[in-house]
Protein backbone atom coordinates (compact mmCIF):
# COMPACT_ATOMS: atom_id res chain seq x y z
CA MET A 1 -0.12 -0.23 -0.14
CA LYS A 2 1.38 3.50 -1.20
CA ILE A 3 0.37 6.74 0.38
CA LEU A 4 1.17 9.52 -1.22
CA GLY A 5 1.34 13.58 0.76
CA ILE A 6 1.29 16.22 -2.11
CA VAL A 7 1.97 19.63 0.11
CA GLY A 8 1.91 23.27 -1.27
CA SER A 9 3.44 25.40 0.74
CA PRO A 10 5.59 27.87 0.18
CA HIS A 11 6.87 26.89 3.39
CA ASN A 12 8.49 23.86 2.48
CA ARG A 13 9.45 21.13 5.23
CA PHE A 14 9.22 23.58 7.90
CA GLY A 15 5.65 24.60 7.55
CA ASN A 16 2.54 23.49 9.47
CA THR A 17 0.80 22.42 6.48
CA TYR A 18 4.05 20.24 5.60
CA ASN A 19 3.82 19.16 9.84
CA LEU A 20 0.43 17.61 9.45
CA VAL A 21 0.86 16.06 6.31
CA GLU A 22 3.92 14.56 7.63
CA ARG A 23 2.08 13.84 11.08
CA ALA A 24 -0.67 11.90 8.75
CA LEU A 25 2.12 9.92 6.83
CA SER A 26 3.96 8.60 9.80
CA GLU A 27 0.12 7.33 11.34
CA SER A 28 -0.15 5.61 7.61
CA SER A 29 3.08 4.04 7.79
CA LYS A 30 2.68 2.75 11.64
CA MET A 31 -0.36 0.89 10.00
CA GLY A 32 1.69 -1.15 7.02
CA ALA A 33 1.87 1.47 4.37
CA GLU A 34 4.83 3.15 2.13
CA THR A 35 4.35 6.93 2.27
CA LYS A 36 6.41 10.11 0.26
CA ILE A 37 5.88 13.09 0.43
CA ILE A 38 6.05 16.25 -2.16
CA VAL A 39 6.50 19.77 -2.06
CA LEU A 40 5.21 21.85 -4.55
CA GLN A 41 7.58 24.49 -4.16
CA GLU A 42 10.95 22.19 -4.83
CA LEU A 43 9.10 21.15 -8.27
CA ASN A 44 9.39 22.95 -11.86
CA ILE A 45 5.61 22.70 -12.46
CA GLY A 46 4.87 25.38 -14.87
CA TYR A 47 1.88 27.32 -15.90
CA CYS A 48 -1.71 25.16 -17.67
CA ALA A 49 -1.11 26.57 -21.24
CA GLY A 50 -4.79 26.33 -21.75
CA CYS A 51 -3.89 24.29 -24.86
CA GLY A 52 -6.05 21.51 -24.95
CA LEU A 53 -3.14 19.24 -26.25
CA CYS A 54 -3.55 17.00 -23.40
CA LEU A 55 -7.21 16.82 -24.11
CA ARG A 56 -6.85 16.39 -27.70
CA GLU A 57 -3.65 13.88 -27.95
CA GLY A 58 -3.55 12.48 -24.43
CA GLU A 59 -0.34 14.16 -23.15
CA CYS A 60 0.85 18.20 -21.83
CA PRO A 61 3.90 19.15 -24.28
CA GLN A 62 5.31 20.68 -21.04
CA GLU A 63 8.85 19.11 -20.10
CA ASP A 64 8.63 19.52 -16.70
CA ASP A 65 8.27 18.07 -13.24
CA MET A 66 4.74 17.06 -13.51
CA LYS A 67 5.32 13.51 -15.37
CA SER A 68 7.12 12.34 -12.53
CA LEU A 69 4.56 13.74 -10.04
CA LEU A 70 1.49 12.31 -12.37
CA ARG A 71 3.16 8.38 -11.86
CA ASP A 72 3.50 8.66 -8.17
CA MET A 73 -0.10 9.50 -7.91
CA THR A 74 -0.98 6.68 -10.20
CA THR A 75 0.86 4.37 -8.60
CA ALA A 76 -0.45 5.18 -5.49
CA ASP A 77 -3.22 3.83 -3.46
CA GLY A 78 -3.93 6.94 -1.32
CA ILE A 79 -3.39 11.03 -1.85
CA ILE A 80 -3.15 13.95 1.03
CA LEU A 81 -3.66 17.07 -0.32
CA GLY A 82 -2.16 19.67 1.92
CA SER A 83 -2.37 23.58 1.40
CA PRO A 84 -2.21 26.68 3.60
CA LEU A 85 -5.10 29.09 3.50
CA TYR A 86 -4.01 31.97 1.34
CA TYR A 87 -5.96 35.09 0.35
CA LEU A 88 -9.29 32.55 1.18
CA HIS A 89 -8.17 29.38 -1.01
CA VAL A 90 -5.66 27.31 -2.27
CA THR A 91 -1.97 28.64 -2.06
CA ALA A 92 -0.63 29.25 -6.22
CA GLN A 93 1.27 26.41 -5.77
CA MET A 94 -1.10 24.06 -5.26
CA LYS A 95 -3.81 25.96 -7.99
CA THR A 96 -0.94 25.66 -9.98
CA PHE A 97 -0.41 22.05 -9.57
CA ILE A 98 -4.14 21.39 -9.81
CA ASP A 99 -4.36 22.94 -13.24
CA ARG A 100 -2.10 21.16 -15.01
CA THR A 101 -4.16 17.83 -14.00
CA LEU A 102 -6.46 19.29 -16.07
CA ALA A 103 -6.46 15.59 -18.06
CA LEU A 104 -6.62 13.50 -15.19
CA GLY A 105 -9.64 15.73 -13.93
CA HIS A 106 -11.01 14.71 -17.71
CA ARG A 107 -9.84 10.93 -17.58
CA PRO A 108 -10.18 10.06 -14.22
CA ARG A 109 -7.77 7.34 -13.56
CA LEU A 110 -7.81 7.43 -9.66
CA GLN A 111 -10.32 5.01 -9.83
CA GLY A 112 -9.97 2.78 -6.84
CA LYS A 113 -7.73 5.01 -4.99
CA TYR A 114 -8.74 7.05 -1.81
CA GLY A 115 -7.58 10.36 -0.54
CA ALA A 116 -7.39 13.51 2.25
CA SER A 117 -7.29 17.03 2.15
CA VAL A 118 -5.69 19.45 4.84
CA VAL A 119 -5.69 22.98 5.22
CA VAL A 120 -4.26 25.83 7.40
CA TYR A 121 -5.06 28.69 8.13
CA ALA A 122 -4.42 31.84 10.12
CA GLY A 123 -8.10 32.67 11.34
CA VAL A 124 -9.34 34.74 7.59
CA GLY A 125 -11.74 33.08 5.50
CA ASP A 126 -13.33 29.48 5.96
CA PRO A 127 -11.14 26.68 5.39
CA HIS A 128 -14.09 24.14 4.96
CA VAL A 129 -14.74 25.69 1.82
CA ALA A 130 -10.82 25.07 0.56
CA ALA A 131 -10.53 21.96 1.76
CA GLU A 132 -13.65 20.67 0.17
CA TYR A 133 -12.26 22.11 -3.06
CA LEU A 134 -9.84 19.62 -2.17
CA ASN A 135 -11.61 16.69 -2.11
CA GLY A 136 -13.77 17.50 -4.93
CA VAL A 137 -10.82 17.61 -7.06
CA LEU A 138 -9.70 14.30 -5.59
CA ARG A 139 -12.99 12.86 -6.51
CA ALA A 140 -12.83 14.57 -10.25
CA TRP A 141 -9.21 11.83 -10.65
CA GLY A 142 -11.21 9.50 -9.81
CA ALA A 143 -10.54 8.97 -6.06
CA THR A 144 -12.62 8.47 -3.14
CA PRO A 145 -11.79 11.34 -0.49
CA VAL A 146 -12.33 10.05 3.54
CA GLY A 147 -12.11 13.24 4.99
CA LYS A 148 -10.46 16.36 5.86
CA LEU A 149 -8.37 18.72 8.44
CA CYS A 150 -8.94 22.04 9.05
CA ALA A 151 -6.74 23.78 11.69
CA TYR A 152 -5.83 27.07 12.98
CA ALA A 153 -2.17 28.08 13.57
CA VAL A 154 -0.52 31.96 12.38
CA ALA A 155 3.43 31.44 12.17
CA PRO A 156 5.18 27.90 12.09
CA GLY A 157 5.30 25.67 14.58
CA GLU A 158 2.06 26.99 16.22
CA LEU A 159 -0.14 23.61 15.83
CA ASP A 160 -2.28 22.62 18.92
CA GLU A 161 -2.35 19.12 20.02
CA GLU A 162 -5.68 18.43 18.88
CA SER A 163 -5.02 19.01 15.14
CA LEU A 164 -1.92 17.17 15.50
CA ARG A 165 -3.75 14.27 16.59
CA ASN A 166 -6.41 14.71 13.79
CA ALA A 167 -4.09 14.29 11.58
CA SER A 168 -2.51 10.77 12.82
CA ALA A 169 -6.63 10.36 13.15
CA LEU A 170 -6.56 10.89 8.93
CA GLY A 171 -3.59 9.12 8.34
CA ALA A 172 -5.11 6.07 10.05
CA GLU A 173 -8.41 6.48 8.79
CA LEU A 174 -7.18 6.48 5.07
CA VAL A 175 -5.15 3.49 5.33
CA GLN A 176 -8.62 1.52 6.90
CA ALA A 177 -10.76 2.69 3.90
CA ILE A 178 -7.86 1.39 1.98
CA LYS A 179 -8.21 -1.86 3.14
CA GLU A 180 -11.50 -2.24 4.08
CA GLY A 181 -12.18 -0.48 0.12
CA ARG A 182 -14.63 1.61 1.90
CA LYS A 183 -17.90 2.82 0.10
CA TYR A 184 -18.98 6.42 0.14
CA PRO A 185 -21.96 8.40 -0.57
CA GLU A 186 -20.97 10.26 -3.63
CA ALA A 187 -21.58 13.52 -3.45
CA GLU A 188 -24.65 15.45 -5.36
CA ASP A 189 -22.43 18.53 -6.66
CA HIS A 190 -19.87 15.84 -8.12
CA GLU A 191 -22.49 14.09 -9.54
CA ARG A 192 -23.88 16.99 -11.82
CA VAL A 193 -20.13 17.98 -12.66
CA ARG A 194 -19.48 14.52 -13.94
CA LYS A 195 -22.79 14.94 -15.84
CA MET A 196 -21.47 18.08 -17.30
CA LEU A 197 -18.66 16.75 -18.61
CA VAL A 198 -19.91 13.37 -20.24
CA LYS A 199 -21.96 16.31 -22.50
CA LEU A 200 -19.00 18.30 -23.28
CA ILE A 201 -17.03 15.39 -23.98
CA ARG A 202 -20.02 13.29 -26.43
CA ASP A 203 -20.64 16.98 -27.96
CA ARG A 204 -16.99 17.99 -28.84
CA ARG A 205 -15.72 14.51 -29.19
CA ASP A 206 -13.72 15.88 -32.32
CA LEU A 207 -11.94 18.31 -30.45
CA LEU A 208 -11.16 15.95 -26.83
CA ARG A 209 -10.38 12.73 -28.77
CA ALA A 210 -7.84 11.34 -26.35
CA ASP A 211 -11.21 12.32 -23.87
CA TYR A 212 -13.69 10.28 -25.89
CA ASP A 213 -11.88 7.33 -26.58
CA PHE A 214 -11.05 7.00 -22.76
CA TRP A 215 -15.09 7.32 -21.61
CA GLU A 216 -15.95 5.29 -25.18
CA ASN A 217 -13.62 2.20 -23.86
CA ARG A 218 -15.27 2.13 -20.44
CA GLY A 219 -18.36 2.15 -22.14
CA TRP A 220 -19.18 5.96 -19.92
CA VAL A 221 -20.46 7.82 -23.07
């Protein structure tokens, strides 16, 4: 069993978001999982150019660290997405990465995998909005979210013990969900978005060739 943590904090490995994701993965490791944590700030990930080649031809033409990151994602059984709340939402690092997974949202290849979200905020904004957004991204990729953690901290090192315990519990929950192959009720909004996506792919199959072939081969269109 492999669980991957992806951290979108610009504070690299000394921030609170990294600390919580690491704590969750540590608990997962104690329960037998092989874990890996990736800090987006340390990678070279370019902006999505909106060219649509990934949807038509199947691959993004950019040569950067996204290819290896996608390999890590597709070989993992679970994924934890972590970001601090910056200006009411996820960081630029996390959003840039998510935008580059457009093809994974159109062709959800993470079916059967599980995930969770971690968001840290400093008292301004609603961290639950960002956490639900990250869980929605996991659903778009085909994964099943098992939960979320929202924690308060201003400066690095200010996390309280309850938040750290909750991170451990989230890591344990993710392992148990994977082991048991748990089923969760599908979010109503996700079903609505999926129907919109199916219509788009069906109507524009000439433009979205790779998408249409993927969905047709699975009998989804």
